[in-house]
Amino acid sequence: MTGGTAALPVLIHPRRTIGGREFDFDREVAVMAIINRTPDSFFDQGATFALDKAVTAALQAISDGADWVDIGGVKFAPGPPVPVDQEIDRVVPVVLALRGAGAVISVDTFHPAVARAAIEAGADVINDTTGIHDPLMADVVADSEATLVVTHSLARPRMPHPAPRYGDVVSEVAAFLRERTDLALSHGIPAERIIIDPGHDLNKNTRHSLELTRRLPEIAALGYPTLVAVSNKDFIGETLDRPRGERVEGSLAAAVFSIMQGARIVRMHNVRAAVDAVRMTEAILGFREPAYERHNLA
């Protein structure tokens, strides 16, 4: 099968082993499911805060085709600090429950101590939405086999950043990610264990997030596999005038467009719908064969 006209970034080490799974990001897109063990999560408002519900939701996401499961114990939005021990108690039991379930296990945290505990429990990826705000995070990941997601954001962890301003949001996000990935490299994390995320809506308004999506090839051009977390975000709600529970279609459109612009991991809430949208996009791009062929065949 031949490729289409989508943006195909030249990637640093596109073939990677993450959590025992093989990925070829030249020809593959991974779906990352979201599991929030927080009582005040942005989207599900605590629906998976209880341990049994979090594990059940994670296993269902894997059954629905998720390649990765991203577990968070503290939301990104501003708020009072959550003690590190409490965050560990939220995420580590889920990590332990998912070992051997067949998916990459990711933990969303900005605390090096939480990252260390999660990796020791079996996490394969640390998803730091603060862009290595604490350089010790790079040391913790470097001293393991884990992959690090480096995300763009401006504020100190859980602190407000009202009315963010950029001269050129895409070039400034790209420069930040270049600086932070260089920091990761200098602390000993090899390039094949680095992923980048432009941080849709994180200290950005709706127009910023739309511009990032439209010009995503400029982010993907940094050479690391690009993750996009567009699912049910406010930029979708404000663009379509839809409340949080009615943003599935907009989320899928943003994810598919991002793939066409070079994204290779999509972080999504509605897993089954996302998996179908992603696999169909892969087939259109020539990355994947149809599951079967009967139509108009003798």
C-alpha atoms as a PDB file:
ATOM      1  CA  MET A   1       0.000   0.000   0.000  1.00  0.00           C
ATOM      2  CA  THR A   2       1.238   3.511  -0.734  1.00  0.00           C
ATOM      3  CA  GLY A   3       1.098   6.518   1.543  1.00  0.00           C
ATOM      4  CA  GLY A   4      -1.216   9.500   1.134  1.00  0.00           C
ATOM      5  CA  THR A   5      -0.635  13.238   1.335  1.00  0.00           C
ATOM      6  CA  ALA A   6      -0.558  13.574   5.120  1.00  0.00           C
ATOM      7  CA  ALA A   7       2.334  15.218   6.929  1.00  0.00           C
ATOM      8  CA  LEU A   8       4.902  12.501   7.516  1.00  0.00           C
ATOM      9  CA  PRO A   9       7.547  13.836   9.902  1.00  0.00           C
ATOM     10  CA  VAL A  10      11.082  12.537   9.808  1.00  0.00           C
ATOM     11  CA  LEU A  11      11.270  10.926  13.226  1.00  0.00           C
ATOM     12  CA  ILE A  12      14.162  10.245  15.568  1.00  0.00           C
ATOM     13  CA  HIS A  13      14.026   6.496  16.193  1.00  0.00           C
ATOM     14  CA  PRO A  14      10.494   5.873  14.857  1.00  0.00           C
ATOM     15  CA  ARG A  15      10.716   2.168  15.766  1.00  0.00           C
ATOM     16  CA  ARG A  16      10.484   1.853  19.510  1.00  0.00           C
ATOM     17  CA  THR A  17       9.878  -0.744  22.182  1.00  0.00           C
ATOM     18  CA  ILE A  18       7.687   0.697  24.930  1.00  0.00           C
ATOM     19  CA  GLY A  19       6.391  -1.510  27.684  1.00  0.00           C
ATOM     20  CA  GLY A  20       7.277  -4.634  25.757  1.00  0.00           C
ATOM     21  CA  ARG A  21       5.264  -3.504  22.733  1.00  0.00           C
ATOM     22  CA  GLU A  22       6.768  -2.651  19.362  1.00  0.00           C
ATOM     23  CA  PHE A  23       5.719   0.594  17.675  1.00  0.00           C
ATOM     24  CA  ASP A  24       6.688   1.919  14.260  1.00  0.00           C
ATOM     25  CA  PHE A  25       5.605   5.550  14.366  1.00  0.00           C
ATOM     26  CA  ASP A  26       6.441   5.947  10.688  1.00  0.00           C
ATOM     27  CA  ARG A  27       3.401   3.777   9.964  1.00  0.00           C
ATOM     28  CA  GLU A  28       1.416   3.562  13.189  1.00  0.00           C
ATOM     29  CA  VAL A  29      -0.665   5.708  15.528  1.00  0.00           C
ATOM     30  CA  ALA A  30      -1.129   4.748  19.190  1.00  0.00           C
ATOM     31  CA  VAL A  31      -4.342   5.434  21.105  1.00  0.00           C
ATOM     32  CA  MET A  32      -3.779   6.443  24.729  1.00  0.00           C
ATOM     33  CA  ALA A  33      -6.762   6.005  27.067  1.00  0.00           C
ATOM     34  CA  ILE A  34      -7.276   8.340  30.031  1.00  0.00           C
ATOM     35  CA  ILE A  35      -7.896   7.040  33.552  1.00  0.00           C
ATOM     36  CA  ASN A  36      -8.235   9.711  36.229  1.00  0.00           C
ATOM     37  CA  ARG A  37      -7.993   8.714  39.887  1.00  0.00           C
ATOM     38  CA  THR A  38      -9.028  12.180  40.981  1.00  0.00           C
ATOM     39  CA  PRO A  39     -12.277  13.294  42.632  1.00  0.00           C
ATOM     40  CA  ASP A  40     -12.341  16.469  40.529  1.00  0.00           C
ATOM     41  CA  SER A  41     -11.164  15.367  37.081  1.00  0.00           C
ATOM     42  CA  PHE A  42     -11.820  17.719  34.170  1.00  0.00           C
ATOM     43  CA  PHE A  43     -13.990  15.386  32.102  1.00  0.00           C
ATOM     44  CA  ASP A  44     -15.454  12.560  34.174  1.00  0.00           C
ATOM     45  CA  GLN A  45     -15.783  14.478  37.453  1.00  0.00           C
ATOM     46  CA  GLY A  46     -14.452  11.630  39.585  1.00  0.00           C
ATOM     47  CA  ALA A  47     -16.211   8.698  37.867  1.00  0.00           C
ATOM     48  CA  THR A  48     -13.036   6.569  38.099  1.00  0.00           C
ATOM     49  CA  PHE A  49     -11.720   7.866  41.412  1.00  0.00           C
ATOM     50  CA  ALA A  50     -12.457   4.611  43.227  1.00  0.00           C
ATOM     51  CA  LEU A  51      -9.742   2.000  42.658  1.00  0.00           C
ATOM     52  CA  ASP A  52     -12.069  -0.722  41.401  1.00  0.00           C
ATOM     53  CA  LYS A  53     -13.729   1.663  38.957  1.00  0.00           C
ATOM     54  CA  ALA A  54     -10.354   2.917  37.712  1.00  0.00           C
ATOM     55  CA  VAL A  55      -9.089  -0.621  37.083  1.00  0.00           C
ATOM     56  CA  THR A  56     -12.343  -1.693  35.436  1.00  0.00           C
ATOM     57  CA  ALA A  57     -12.305   1.359  33.160  1.00  0.00           C
ATOM     58  CA  ALA A  58      -8.669   0.732  32.231  1.00  0.00           C
ATOM     59  CA  LEU A  59      -9.294  -2.914  31.373  1.00  0.00           C
ATOM     60  CA  GLN A  60     -12.344  -1.921  29.324  1.00  0.00           C
ATOM     61  CA  ALA A  61     -10.237   0.631  27.435  1.00  0.00           C
ATOM     62  CA  ILE A  62      -7.688  -2.063  26.637  1.00  0.00           C
ATOM     63  CA  SER A  63     -10.487  -4.375  25.500  1.00  0.00           C
ATOM     64  CA  ASP A  64     -11.757  -1.544  23.285  1.00  0.00           C
ATOM     65  CA  GLY A  65      -8.366  -1.359  21.583  1.00  0.00           C
ATOM     66  CA  ALA A  66      -6.331   1.184  23.548  1.00  0.00           C
ATOM     67  CA  ASP A  67      -2.582   0.784  23.058  1.00  0.00           C
ATOM     68  CA  TRP A  68      -1.699   2.831  26.140  1.00  0.00           C
ATOM     69  CA  VAL A  69      -3.411   3.677  29.419  1.00  0.00           C
ATOM     70  CA  ASP A  70      -2.515   6.998  31.062  1.00  0.00           C
ATOM     71  CA  ILE A  71      -3.193   7.097  34.808  1.00  0.00           C
ATOM     72  CA  GLY A  72      -3.424  10.413  36.620  1.00  0.00           C
ATOM     73  CA  GLY A  73      -3.714  11.105  40.334  1.00  0.00           C
ATOM     74  CA  VAL A  74      -3.718  14.919  40.193  1.00  0.00           C
ATOM     75  CA  LYS A  75      -5.383  17.064  37.551  1.00  0.00           C
ATOM     76  CA  PHE A  76      -3.466  19.777  35.690  1.00  0.00           C
ATOM     77  CA  ALA A  77      -5.842  22.627  36.540  1.00  0.00           C
ATOM     78  CA  PRO A  78      -4.975  25.050  39.372  1.00  0.00           C
ATOM     79  CA  GLY A  79      -5.862  23.889  42.845  1.00  0.00           C
ATOM     80  CA  PRO A  80      -4.514  23.012  46.270  1.00  0.00           C
ATOM     81  CA  PRO A  81      -1.505  20.700  46.367  1.00  0.00           C
ATOM     82  CA  VAL A  82      -2.078  16.962  46.704  1.00  0.00           C
ATOM     83  CA  PRO A  83       0.462  15.303  49.039  1.00  0.00           C
ATOM     84  CA  VAL A  84       2.956  13.153  47.160  1.00  0.00           C
ATOM     85  CA  ASP A  85       2.151  10.086  49.276  1.00  0.00           C
ATOM     86  CA  GLN A  86      -1.525  10.495  48.432  1.00  0.00           C
ATOM     87  CA  GLU A  87      -0.796  10.777  44.718  1.00  0.00           C
ATOM     88  CA  ILE A  88       1.327   7.623  44.908  1.00  0.00           C
ATOM     89  CA  ASP A  89      -1.507   5.826  46.703  1.00  0.00           C
ATOM     90  CA  ARG A  90      -3.829   6.802  43.867  1.00  0.00           C
ATOM     91  CA  VAL A  91      -1.733   5.743  40.873  1.00  0.00           C
ATOM     92  CA  VAL A  92       0.497   2.866  41.972  1.00  0.00           C
ATOM     93  CA  PRO A  93      -2.329   0.366  42.706  1.00  0.00           C
ATOM     94  CA  VAL A  94      -3.697   0.926  39.199  1.00  0.00           C
ATOM     95  CA  VAL A  95      -0.253   0.392  37.696  1.00  0.00           C
ATOM     96  CA  LEU A  96       0.116  -2.858  39.623  1.00  0.00           C
ATOM     97  CA  ALA A  97      -3.341  -4.033  38.544  1.00  0.00           C
ATOM     98  CA  LEU A  98      -2.572  -3.415  34.864  1.00  0.00           C
ATOM     99  CA  ARG A  99       0.768  -5.184  34.677  1.00  0.00           C
ATOM    100  CA  GLY A 100       0.518  -7.898  32.071  1.00  0.00           C
ATOM    101  CA  ALA A 101      -2.766  -6.564  30.666  1.00  0.00           C
ATOM    102  CA  GLY A 102      -1.223  -5.969  27.244  1.00  0.00           C
ATOM    103  CA  ALA A 103      -1.058  -2.176  27.114  1.00  0.00           C
ATOM    104  CA  VAL A 104       1.640   0.416  27.704  1.00  0.00           C
ATOM    105  CA  ILE A 105       1.207   1.867  31.197  1.00  0.00           C
ATOM    106  CA  SER A 106       1.696   5.617  31.493  1.00  0.00           C
ATOM    107  CA  VAL A 107       1.492   7.809  34.601  1.00  0.00           C
ATOM    108  CA  ASP A 108       0.615  11.494  34.381  1.00  0.00           C
ATOM    109  CA  THR A 109       2.651  13.274  37.072  1.00  0.00           C
ATOM    110  CA  PHE A 110       5.028  16.176  37.593  1.00  0.00           C
ATOM    111  CA  HIS A 111       6.490  14.856  40.880  1.00  0.00           C
ATOM    112  CA  PRO A 112       9.777  12.940  40.558  1.00  0.00           C
ATOM    113  CA  ALA A 113       8.930  10.872  43.654  1.00  0.00           C
ATOM    114  CA  VAL A 114       5.635   9.767  42.125  1.00  0.00           C
ATOM    115  CA  ALA A 115       7.398   8.953  38.870  1.00  0.00           C
ATOM    116  CA  ARG A 116       9.979   6.836  40.707  1.00  0.00           C
ATOM    117  CA  ALA A 117       7.282   4.901  42.597  1.00  0.00           C
ATOM    118  CA  ALA A 118       5.256   4.396  39.426  1.00  0.00           C
ATOM    119  CA  ILE A 119       8.257   3.119  37.462  1.00  0.00           C
ATOM    120  CA  GLU A 120       9.162   0.745  40.277  1.00  0.00           C
ATOM    121  CA  ALA A 121       5.562  -0.541  40.177  1.00  0.00           C
ATOM    122  CA  GLY A 122       5.794  -1.181  36.437  1.00  0.00           C
ATOM    123  CA  ALA A 123       4.940   2.062  34.607  1.00  0.00           C
ATOM    124  CA  ASP A 124       6.477   2.315  31.140  1.00  0.00           C
ATOM    125  CA  VAL A 125       5.929   6.028  30.488  1.00  0.00           C
ATOM    126  CA  ILE A 126       5.971   9.199  32.575  1.00  0.00           C
ATOM    127  CA  ASN A 127       3.713  11.900  31.148  1.00  0.00           C
ATOM    128  CA  ASP A 128       4.971  15.209  32.596  1.00  0.00           C
ATOM    129  CA  THR A 129       2.528  17.964  31.632  1.00  0.00           C
ATOM    130  CA  THR A 130       4.816  20.609  33.154  1.00  0.00           C
ATOM    131  CA  GLY A 131       7.647  20.083  30.685  1.00  0.00           C
ATOM    132  CA  ILE A 132      10.227  18.848  33.232  1.00  0.00           C
ATOM    133  CA  HIS A 133       9.503  21.762  35.575  1.00  0.00           C
ATOM    134  CA  ASP A 134      11.620  19.876  38.116  1.00  0.00           C
ATOM    135  CA  PRO A 135      14.876  18.708  36.448  1.00  0.00           C
ATOM    136  CA  LEU A 136      15.013  15.833  38.946  1.00  0.00           C
ATOM    137  CA  MET A 137      12.240  14.275  36.852  1.00  0.00           C
ATOM    138  CA  ALA A 138      14.745  13.836  34.025  1.00  0.00           C
ATOM    139  CA  ASP A 139      17.154  12.107  36.399  1.00  0.00           C
ATOM    140  CA  VAL A 140      14.472   9.715  37.631  1.00  0.00           C
ATOM    141  CA  VAL A 141      13.474   8.731  34.097  1.00  0.00           C
ATOM    142  CA  ALA A 142      17.085   8.525  32.916  1.00  0.00           C
ATOM    143  CA  ASP A 143      17.798   6.029  35.693  1.00  0.00           C
ATOM    144  CA  SER A 144      15.191   3.630  34.288  1.00  0.00           C
ATOM    145  CA  GLU A 145      13.962   2.231  31.006  1.00  0.00           C
ATOM    146  CA  ALA A 146      10.884   4.458  30.962  1.00  0.00           C
ATOM    147  CA  THR A 147       9.869   6.874  28.217  1.00  0.00           C
ATOM    148  CA  LEU A 148       9.247  10.549  29.041  1.00  0.00           C
ATOM    149  CA  VAL A 149       6.519  12.700  27.494  1.00  0.00           C
ATOM    150  CA  VAL A 150       7.652  16.337  27.495  1.00  0.00           C
ATOM    151  CA  THR A 151       4.645  18.672  27.340  1.00  0.00           C
ATOM    152  CA  HIS A 152       4.469  22.416  26.822  1.00  0.00           C
ATOM    153  CA  SER A 153       2.929  24.491  29.595  1.00  0.00           C
ATOM    154  CA  LEU A 154       3.919  27.801  31.174  1.00  0.00           C
ATOM    155  CA  ALA A 155       2.673  27.951  34.758  1.00  0.00           C
ATOM    156  CA  ARG A 156       4.207  26.399  37.822  1.00  0.00           C
ATOM    157  CA  PRO A 157       2.415  23.133  38.630  1.00  0.00           C
ATOM    158  CA  ARG A 158      -1.230  23.674  39.583  1.00  0.00           C
ATOM    159  CA  MET A 159      -0.847  27.465  39.526  1.00  0.00           C
ATOM    160  CA  PRO A 160      -3.068  29.753  37.410  1.00  0.00           C
ATOM    161  CA  HIS A 161      -1.802  31.490  34.280  1.00  0.00           C
ATOM    162  CA  PRO A 162      -4.647  33.787  33.198  1.00  0.00           C
ATOM    163  CA  ALA A 163      -4.806  35.301  29.721  1.00  0.00           C
ATOM    164  CA  PRO A 164      -1.630  33.728  28.286  1.00  0.00           C
ATOM    165  CA  ARG A 165      -0.024  35.719  25.477  1.00  0.00           C
ATOM    166  CA  TYR A 166       2.232  34.570  22.649  1.00  0.00           C
ATOM    167  CA  GLY A 167       3.827  36.411  19.783  1.00  0.00           C
ATOM    168  CA  ASP A 168       3.682  33.224  17.686  1.00  0.00           C
ATOM    169  CA  VAL A 169       2.292  30.369  19.734  1.00  0.00           C
ATOM    170  CA  VAL A 170       3.616  27.604  17.473  1.00  0.00           C
ATOM    171  CA  SER A 171       7.196  28.869  17.250  1.00  0.00           C
ATOM    172  CA  GLU A 172       7.271  29.550  21.004  1.00  0.00           C
ATOM    173  CA  VAL A 173       5.909  26.093  21.841  1.00  0.00           C
ATOM    174  CA  ALA A 174       8.438  24.512  19.470  1.00  0.00           C
ATOM    175  CA  ALA A 175      11.288  26.477  21.069  1.00  0.00           C
ATOM    176  CA  PHE A 176      10.173  25.402  24.560  1.00  0.00           C
ATOM    177  CA  LEU A 177       9.977  21.757  23.537  1.00  0.00           C
ATOM    178  CA  ARG A 178      13.397  21.946  21.886  1.00  0.00           C
ATOM    179  CA  GLU A 179      14.905  23.409  25.077  1.00  0.00           C
ATOM    180  CA  ARG A 180      13.208  20.875  27.339  1.00  0.00           C
ATOM    181  CA  THR A 181      14.107  17.870  25.202  1.00  0.00           C
ATOM    182  CA  ASP A 182      17.708  19.111  25.153  1.00  0.00           C
ATOM    183  CA  LEU A 183      17.521  19.176  28.956  1.00  0.00           C
ATOM    184  CA  ALA A 184      16.251  15.593  28.969  1.00  0.00           C
ATOM    185  CA  LEU A 185      19.099  14.526  26.703  1.00  0.00           C
ATOM    186  CA  SER A 186      21.662  16.294  28.891  1.00  0.00           C
ATOM    187  CA  HIS A 187      20.382  14.378  31.917  1.00  0.00           C
ATOM    188  CA  GLY A 188      20.891  11.053  30.153  1.00  0.00           C
ATOM    189  CA  ILE A 189      17.504  10.223  28.648  1.00  0.00           C
ATOM    190  CA  PRO A 190      18.205   8.848  25.155  1.00  0.00           C
ATOM    191  CA  ALA A 191      16.320  10.321  22.206  1.00  0.00           C
ATOM    192  CA  GLU A 192      14.516   7.031  21.606  1.00  0.00           C
ATOM    193  CA  ARG A 193      12.789   7.454  24.983  1.00  0.00           C
ATOM    194  CA  ILE A 194      11.447  10.990  24.414  1.00  0.00           C
ATOM    195  CA  ILE A 195       7.976  11.991  23.150  1.00  0.00           C
ATOM    196  CA  ILE A 196       6.665  15.556  22.824  1.00  0.00           C
ATOM    197  CA  ASP A 197       3.234  17.109  23.367  1.00  0.00           C
ATOM    198  CA  PRO A 198       2.365  20.723  22.419  1.00  0.00           C
ATOM    199  CA  GLY A 199      -0.105  20.874  25.302  1.00  0.00           C
ATOM    200  CA  HIS A 200      -3.431  21.832  23.778  1.00  0.00           C
ATOM    201  CA  ASP A 201      -5.335  24.175  26.142  1.00  0.00           C
ATOM    202  CA  LEU A 202      -2.559  24.066  28.768  1.00  0.00           C
ATOM    203  CA  ASN A 203      -1.998  27.789  29.444  1.00  0.00           C
ATOM    204  CA  LYS A 204      -3.443  28.490  25.992  1.00  0.00           C
ATOM    205  CA  ASN A 205      -6.748  29.883  24.775  1.00  0.00           C
ATOM    206  CA  THR A 206      -8.954  28.409  22.062  1.00  0.00           C
ATOM    207  CA  ARG A 207      -7.307  30.312  19.209  1.00  0.00           C
ATOM    208  CA  HIS A 208      -3.881  29.166  20.415  1.00  0.00           C
ATOM    209  CA  SER A 209      -4.986  25.517  20.423  1.00  0.00           C
ATOM    210  CA  LEU A 210      -6.562  25.805  16.984  1.00  0.00           C
ATOM    211  CA  GLU A 211      -3.368  27.361  15.623  1.00  0.00           C
ATOM    212  CA  LEU A 212      -1.266  24.588  17.167  1.00  0.00           C
ATOM    213  CA  THR A 213      -3.476  21.976  15.535  1.00  0.00           C
ATOM    214  CA  ARG A 214      -3.380  23.689  12.156  1.00  0.00           C
ATOM    215  CA  ARG A 215       0.415  24.050  12.237  1.00  0.00           C
ATOM    216  CA  LEU A 216       1.222  20.798  14.004  1.00  0.00           C
ATOM    217  CA  PRO A 217       3.806  19.813  11.349  1.00  0.00           C
ATOM    218  CA  GLU A 218       6.062  22.520  12.812  1.00  0.00           C
ATOM    219  CA  ILE A 219       5.968  20.683  16.151  1.00  0.00           C
ATOM    220  CA  ALA A 220       6.370  17.224  14.612  1.00  0.00           C
ATOM    221  CA  ALA A 221       9.375  18.550  12.694  1.00  0.00           C
ATOM    222  CA  LEU A 222      11.345  18.488  15.956  1.00  0.00           C
ATOM    223  CA  GLY A 223      11.711  14.782  15.183  1.00  0.00           C
ATOM    224  CA  TYR A 224      10.223  13.167  18.271  1.00  0.00           C
ATOM    225  CA  PRO A 225       6.897  11.296  18.070  1.00  0.00           C
ATOM    226  CA  THR A 226       4.183  13.852  18.812  1.00  0.00           C
ATOM    227  CA  LEU A 227       1.384  13.160  21.265  1.00  0.00           C
ATOM    228  CA  VAL A 228      -1.777  15.256  21.142  1.00  0.00           C
ATOM    229  CA  ALA A 229      -4.241  15.480  24.028  1.00  0.00           C
ATOM    230  CA  VAL A 230      -7.263  17.025  22.326  1.00  0.00           C
ATOM    231  CA  SER A 231     -10.058  14.916  23.796  1.00  0.00           C
ATOM    232  CA  ASN A 232     -13.042  16.929  25.061  1.00  0.00           C
ATOM    233  CA  LYS A 233     -10.867  19.999  25.576  1.00  0.00           C
ATOM    234  CA  ASP A 234     -12.348  23.469  26.011  1.00  0.00           C
ATOM    235  CA  PHE A 235     -11.052  24.634  22.639  1.00  0.00           C
ATOM    236  CA  ILE A 236     -13.400  22.081  21.091  1.00  0.00           C
ATOM    237  CA  GLY A 237     -16.294  23.105  23.317  1.00  0.00           C
ATOM    238  CA  GLU A 238     -15.800  26.808  22.600  1.00  0.00           C
ATOM    239  CA  THR A 239     -15.369  26.233  18.870  1.00  0.00           C
ATOM    240  CA  LEU A 240     -18.550  24.143  18.548  1.00  0.00           C
ATOM    241  CA  ASP A 241     -20.540  25.588  21.473  1.00  0.00           C
ATOM    242  CA  ARG A 242     -20.779  22.167  23.108  1.00  0.00           C
ATOM    243  CA  PRO A 243     -20.672  21.233  26.814  1.00  0.00           C
ATOM    244  CA  ARG A 244     -18.181  18.627  28.019  1.00  0.00           C
ATOM    245  CA  GLY A 245     -20.497  15.688  27.498  1.00  0.00           C
ATOM    246  CA  GLU A 246     -21.143  16.560  23.846  1.00  0.00           C
ATOM    247  CA  ARG A 247     -17.656  16.913  22.372  1.00  0.00           C
ATOM    248  CA  VAL A 248     -17.008  13.406  21.066  1.00  0.00           C
ATOM    249  CA  GLU A 249     -17.396  14.261  17.382  1.00  0.00           C
ATOM    250  CA  GLY A 250     -15.277  17.384  17.685  1.00  0.00           C
ATOM    251  CA  SER A 251     -12.625  15.430  19.572  1.00  0.00           C
ATOM    252  CA  LEU A 252     -12.489  12.772  16.861  1.00  0.00           C
ATOM    253  CA  ALA A 253     -12.214  15.411  14.144  1.00  0.00           C
ATOM    254  CA  ALA A 254      -9.346  17.107  16.000  1.00  0.00           C
ATOM    255  CA  ALA A 255      -7.575  13.781  16.542  1.00  0.00           C
ATOM    256  CA  VAL A 256      -7.875  12.717  12.898  1.00  0.00           C
ATOM    257  CA  PHE A 257      -6.713  16.110  11.635  1.00  0.00           C
ATOM    258  CA  SER A 258      -3.766  15.968  14.060  1.00  0.00           C
ATOM    259  CA  ILE A 259      -2.767  12.559  12.703  1.00  0.00           C
ATOM    260  CA  MET A 260      -2.861  13.984   9.181  1.00  0.00           C
ATOM    261  CA  GLN A 261      -0.539  16.733  10.419  1.00  0.00           C
ATOM    262  CA  GLY A 262       1.967  14.337  11.991  1.00  0.00           C
ATOM    263  CA  ALA A 263       0.673  13.268  15.420  1.00  0.00           C
ATOM    264  CA  ARG A 264       1.518   9.658  16.271  1.00  0.00           C
ATOM    265  CA  ILE A 265      -0.121   9.255  19.719  1.00  0.00           C
ATOM    266  CA  VAL A 266      -3.623  10.542  20.528  1.00  0.00           C
ATOM    267  CA  ARG A 267      -4.810  10.787  24.141  1.00  0.00           C
ATOM    268  CA  MET A 268      -8.567  10.144  24.182  1.00  0.00           C
ATOM    269  CA  HIS A 269     -11.477   9.593  26.565  1.00  0.00           C
ATOM    270  CA  ASN A 270     -13.938   7.825  24.232  1.00  0.00           C
ATOM    271  CA  VAL A 271     -11.681   4.904  23.407  1.00  0.00           C
ATOM    272  CA  ARG A 272     -13.764   2.689  21.158  1.00  0.00           C
ATOM    273  CA  ALA A 273     -14.775   5.579  18.900  1.00  0.00           C
ATOM    274  CA  ALA A 274     -11.201   6.887  18.899  1.00  0.00           C
ATOM    275  CA  VAL A 275      -9.737   3.502  17.996  1.00  0.00           C
ATOM    276  CA  ASP A 276     -12.060   3.159  15.004  1.00  0.00           C
ATOM    277  CA  ALA A 277     -11.300   6.701  13.841  1.00  0.00           C
ATOM    278  CA  VAL A 278      -7.553   6.163  14.196  1.00  0.00           C
ATOM    279  CA  ARG A 279      -7.501   2.743  12.495  1.00  0.00           C
ATOM    280  CA  MET A 280      -9.599   4.096   9.611  1.00  0.00           C
ATOM    281  CA  THR A 281      -7.204   7.020   9.237  1.00  0.00           C
ATOM    282  CA  GLU A 282      -4.249   4.617   9.217  1.00  0.00           C
ATOM    283  CA  ALA A 283      -5.895   2.591   6.438  1.00  0.00           C
ATOM    284  CA  ILE A 284      -6.603   5.683   4.339  1.00  0.00           C
ATOM    285  CA  LEU A 285      -2.960   6.729   4.742  1.00  0.00           C
ATOM    286  CA  GLY A 286      -1.814   3.299   3.617  1.00  0.00           C
ATOM    287  CA  PHE A 287      -0.397   2.377   7.017  1.00  0.00           C
ATOM    288  CA  ARG A 288      -2.825  -0.513   7.617  1.00  0.00           C
ATOM    289  CA  GLU A 289      -4.559  -3.215   5.562  1.00  0.00           C
ATOM    290  CA  PRO A 290      -8.342  -3.669   5.780  1.00  0.00           C
ATOM    291  CA  ALA A 291      -9.471  -6.238   8.330  1.00  0.00           C
ATOM    292  CA  TYR A 292     -11.094  -8.183   5.480  1.00  0.00           C
ATOM    293  CA  GLU A 293     -12.258  -7.669   1.878  1.00  0.00           C
ATOM    294  CA  ARG A 294     -15.571  -8.894   0.417  1.00  0.00           C
ATOM    295  CA  HIS A 295     -17.209  -5.904  -1.242  1.00  0.00           C
ATOM    296  CA  ASN A 296     -17.342  -6.223  -5.051  1.00  0.00           C
ATOM    297  CA  LEU A 297     -15.097  -9.246  -5.069  1.00  0.00           C
ATOM    298  CA  ALA A 298     -16.089 -12.354  -7.014  1.00  0.00           C
END
